[in-house]
Amino acid sequence: MEEPDMHMTYDPAADAAYFTIADEVAPGEATRQIVTPVEGGTVVLDFSSSGTLLGFEVLGAQRLVPTEVLGRAPSPPPRS
């Protein structure tokens, strides 16, 4: 079985990075979140209705994610 690739986007205006663990996360697919405040920001875990971890968001990414990782991340697609 092939492992899904982890993808990341970074929105500098929001200082938010999103790491997708599932192949793709469709709108509304994340039905449960666990919000964890950490020193310098917040980490939000997104789960499907079956309990699978889909991805996680890092708020305050400039303080929590290495600069070289943020520098490689594309911006998220614009919302319609």
N, C-alpha and C. Protein backbone atom coordinates (compact mmCIF):
# COMPACT_ATOMS: atom_id res chain seq x y z
N MET A 1 0.84 -1.18 0.00
CA MET A 1 0.00 0.00 0.00
C MET A 1 0.89 1.24 0.00
N GLU A 2 0.58 2.17 -0.88
CA GLU A 2 1.37 3.39 -1.00
C GLU A 2 1.01 4.38 0.09
N GLU A 3 2.04 4.96 0.69
CA GLU A 3 1.83 5.95 1.75
C GLU A 3 1.41 7.28 1.14
N PRO A 4 0.41 7.97 1.72
CA PRO A 4 0.06 9.30 1.20
C PRO A 4 1.16 10.29 1.54
N ASP A 5 1.34 11.26 0.67
CA ASP A 5 2.32 12.31 0.92
C ASP A 5 1.71 13.35 1.85
N MET A 6 2.54 13.90 2.72
CA MET A 6 2.09 15.00 3.56
C MET A 6 2.37 16.29 2.80
N HIS A 7 1.39 17.16 2.75
CA HIS A 7 1.52 18.44 2.06
C HIS A 7 1.36 19.57 3.08
N MET A 8 1.92 20.71 2.74
CA MET A 8 1.83 21.86 3.64
C MET A 8 1.57 23.11 2.83
N THR A 9 0.75 24.01 3.39
CA THR A 9 0.58 25.35 2.84
C THR A 9 0.86 26.34 3.97
N TYR A 10 1.21 27.56 3.58
CA TYR A 10 1.48 28.60 4.57
C TYR A 10 0.85 29.90 4.10
N ASP A 11 0.06 30.50 4.96
CA ASP A 11 -0.58 31.80 4.70
C ASP A 11 0.12 32.84 5.57
N PRO A 12 1.04 33.64 4.99
CA PRO A 12 1.77 34.60 5.81
C PRO A 12 0.88 35.69 6.43
N ALA A 13 -0.20 36.05 5.75
CA ALA A 13 -1.10 37.08 6.30
C ALA A 13 -1.74 36.62 7.60
N ALA A 14 -2.06 35.33 7.68
CA ALA A 14 -2.67 34.76 8.89
C ALA A 14 -1.63 34.13 9.80
N ASP A 15 -0.39 34.02 9.33
CA ASP A 15 0.69 33.31 10.02
C ASP A 15 0.20 31.92 10.44
N ALA A 16 -0.40 31.22 9.44
CA ALA A 16 -0.97 29.89 9.68
C ALA A 16 -0.42 28.90 8.66
N ALA A 17 0.06 27.77 9.15
CA ALA A 17 0.51 26.68 8.29
C ALA A 17 -0.46 25.52 8.44
N TYR A 18 -0.76 24.84 7.33
CA TYR A 18 -1.63 23.67 7.39
C TYR A 18 -0.90 22.49 6.78
N PHE A 19 -0.83 21.42 7.54
CA PHE A 19 -0.19 20.17 7.11
C PHE A 19 -1.29 19.15 6.84
N THR A 20 -1.39 18.69 5.61
CA THR A 20 -2.39 17.70 5.23
C THR A 20 -1.75 16.32 5.27
N ILE A 21 -2.30 15.43 6.07
CA ILE A 21 -1.79 14.07 6.17
C ILE A 21 -2.54 13.15 5.22
N ALA A 22 -3.85 13.36 5.09
CA ALA A 22 -4.65 12.58 4.15
C ALA A 22 -4.30 13.04 2.73
N ASP A 23 -4.65 12.24 1.73
CA ASP A 23 -4.37 12.62 0.35
C ASP A 23 -4.95 14.00 0.03
N GLU A 24 -6.15 14.24 0.49
CA GLU A 24 -6.81 15.52 0.27
C GLU A 24 -7.90 15.66 1.32
N VAL A 25 -8.11 16.86 1.81
CA VAL A 25 -9.17 17.11 2.78
C VAL A 25 -10.23 17.96 2.09
N ALA A 26 -11.41 17.37 1.90
CA ALA A 26 -12.51 18.07 1.25
C ALA A 26 -13.19 19.00 2.24
N PRO A 27 -13.79 20.09 1.76
CA PRO A 27 -14.52 20.99 2.67
C PRO A 27 -15.58 20.20 3.44
N GLY A 28 -15.61 20.39 4.74
CA GLY A 28 -16.58 19.71 5.60
C GLY A 28 -16.17 18.32 6.03
N GLU A 29 -15.06 17.81 5.52
CA GLU A 29 -14.62 16.46 5.88
C GLU A 29 -14.10 16.39 7.31
N ALA A 30 -13.47 17.46 7.76
CA ALA A 30 -12.99 17.51 9.15
C ALA A 30 -14.19 17.81 10.05
N THR A 31 -14.65 16.79 10.75
CA THR A 31 -15.86 16.93 11.56
C THR A 31 -15.56 17.13 13.05
N ARG A 32 -14.31 16.91 13.43
CA ARG A 32 -13.93 17.07 14.84
C ARG A 32 -12.55 17.70 14.91
N GLN A 33 -12.41 18.64 15.83
CA GLN A 33 -11.13 19.31 16.02
C GLN A 33 -10.72 19.27 17.47
N ILE A 34 -9.43 19.16 17.67
CA ILE A 34 -8.87 19.30 19.01
C ILE A 34 -7.92 20.48 18.94
N VAL A 35 -8.20 21.50 19.75
CA VAL A 35 -7.43 22.74 19.76
C VAL A 35 -6.50 22.71 20.97
N THR A 36 -5.21 22.89 20.70
CA THR A 36 -4.21 22.82 21.76
C THR A 36 -3.37 24.09 21.78
N PRO A 37 -3.56 24.92 22.80
CA PRO A 37 -2.68 26.09 22.92
C PRO A 37 -1.27 25.63 23.30
N VAL A 38 -0.28 26.20 22.65
CA VAL A 38 1.12 25.93 22.98
C VAL A 38 1.80 27.29 23.12
N GLU A 39 2.95 27.31 23.76
CA GLU A 39 3.65 28.57 23.93
C GLU A 39 3.99 29.14 22.55
N GLY A 40 3.49 30.33 22.26
CA GLY A 40 3.75 30.99 20.99
C GLY A 40 2.71 30.77 19.92
N GLY A 41 1.68 29.97 20.18
CA GLY A 41 0.67 29.74 19.15
C GLY A 41 -0.36 28.70 19.55
N THR A 42 -0.96 28.10 18.54
CA THR A 42 -2.01 27.11 18.74
C THR A 42 -1.88 26.04 17.67
N VAL A 43 -2.12 24.79 18.04
CA VAL A 43 -2.15 23.69 17.08
C VAL A 43 -3.56 23.11 17.09
N VAL A 44 -4.13 22.95 15.89
CA VAL A 44 -5.49 22.42 15.75
C VAL A 44 -5.41 21.12 14.95
N LEU A 45 -5.84 20.02 15.57
CA LEU A 45 -5.87 18.71 14.90
C LEU A 45 -7.25 18.52 14.26
N ASP A 46 -7.29 18.15 12.99
CA ASP A 46 -8.54 17.91 12.27
C ASP A 46 -8.75 16.42 12.06
N PHE A 47 -9.91 15.92 12.49
CA PHE A 47 -10.25 14.50 12.37
C PHE A 47 -11.49 14.31 11.51
N SER A 48 -11.55 13.18 10.81
CA SER A 48 -12.75 12.80 10.06
C SER A 48 -13.79 12.23 11.02
N SER A 49 -14.98 11.97 10.49
CA SER A 49 -16.05 11.40 11.32
C SER A 49 -15.69 9.99 11.80
N SER A 50 -14.78 9.31 11.11
CA SER A 50 -14.36 7.97 11.54
C SER A 50 -13.18 8.01 12.52
N GLY A 51 -12.70 9.22 12.83
CA GLY A 51 -11.62 9.36 13.80
C GLY A 51 -10.23 9.39 13.21
N THR A 52 -10.13 9.44 11.88
CA THR A 52 -8.83 9.50 11.21
C THR A 52 -8.29 10.93 11.24
N LEU A 53 -7.01 11.06 11.58
CA LEU A 53 -6.37 12.38 11.55
C LEU A 53 -6.16 12.77 10.10
N LEU A 54 -6.74 13.90 9.70
CA LEU A 54 -6.64 14.38 8.32
C LEU A 54 -5.50 15.37 8.14
N GLY A 55 -5.29 16.19 9.15
CA GLY A 55 -4.26 17.21 9.05
C GLY A 55 -4.24 18.04 10.32
N PHE A 56 -3.33 19.03 10.33
CA PHE A 56 -3.28 19.92 11.49
C PHE A 56 -2.84 21.30 11.05
N GLU A 57 -3.35 22.29 11.77
CA GLU A 57 -3.04 23.69 11.50
C GLU A 57 -2.19 24.24 12.63
N VAL A 58 -1.21 25.04 12.27
CA VAL A 58 -0.34 25.68 13.25
C VAL A 58 -0.56 27.18 13.14
N LEU A 59 -1.15 27.77 14.16
CA LEU A 59 -1.36 29.22 14.22
C LEU A 59 -0.19 29.80 15.01
N GLY A 60 0.39 30.88 14.49
CA GLY A 60 1.63 31.38 15.06
C GLY A 60 2.80 30.61 14.46
N ALA A 61 2.66 30.26 13.18
CA ALA A 61 3.61 29.38 12.52
C ALA A 61 5.04 29.94 12.51
N GLN A 62 5.20 31.23 12.40
CA GLN A 62 6.55 31.80 12.36
C GLN A 62 7.33 31.50 13.64
N ARG A 63 6.62 31.33 14.74
CA ARG A 63 7.27 31.02 16.01
C ARG A 63 7.42 29.52 16.24
N LEU A 64 6.61 28.70 15.57
CA LEU A 64 6.57 27.26 15.88
C LEU A 64 7.14 26.35 14.80
N VAL A 65 7.16 26.81 13.56
CA VAL A 65 7.62 25.97 12.45
C VAL A 65 8.96 26.51 11.96
N PRO A 66 9.94 25.65 11.72
CA PRO A 66 11.24 26.14 11.25
C PRO A 66 11.10 27.00 9.99
N THR A 67 11.86 28.09 9.93
CA THR A 67 11.80 29.03 8.82
C THR A 67 12.02 28.36 7.47
N GLU A 68 12.96 27.42 7.40
CA GLU A 68 13.23 26.75 6.13
C GLU A 68 12.05 25.92 5.65
N VAL A 69 11.25 25.42 6.56
CA VAL A 69 10.04 24.67 6.19
C VAL A 69 8.99 25.65 5.65
N LEU A 70 8.77 26.75 6.33
CA LEU A 70 7.79 27.75 5.86
C LEU A 70 8.20 28.30 4.51
N GLY A 71 9.49 28.48 4.26
CA GLY A 71 9.97 29.02 3.01
C GLY A 71 9.69 28.13 1.81
N ARG A 72 9.53 26.84 2.02
CA ARG A 72 9.25 25.89 0.94
C ARG A 72 7.75 25.71 0.69
N ALA A 73 6.92 26.24 1.57
CA ALA A 73 5.48 25.98 1.49
C ALA A 73 4.79 26.92 0.51
N PRO A 74 3.90 26.37 -0.33
CA PRO A 74 3.10 27.24 -1.19
C PRO A 74 1.99 27.91 -0.38
N SER A 75 1.47 29.00 -0.92
CA SER A 75 0.32 29.65 -0.29
C SER A 75 -0.92 28.81 -0.54
N PRO A 76 -1.90 28.88 0.37
CA PRO A 76 -3.13 28.12 0.13
C PRO A 76 -3.90 28.72 -1.05
N PRO A 77 -4.74 27.91 -1.72
CA PRO A 77 -5.53 28.45 -2.82
C PRO A 77 -6.52 29.49 -2.29
N PRO A 78 -6.85 30.49 -3.08
CA PRO A 78 -7.83 31.49 -2.63
C PRO A 78 -9.20 30.86 -2.40
N ARG A 79 -9.88 31.36 -1.39
CA ARG A 79 -11.24 30.85 -1.11
C ARG A 79 -12.23 31.57 -2.00
N SER A 80 -13.23 30.81 -2.45
CA SER A 80 -14.26 31.44 -3.31
C SER A 80 -15.48 31.81 -2.52
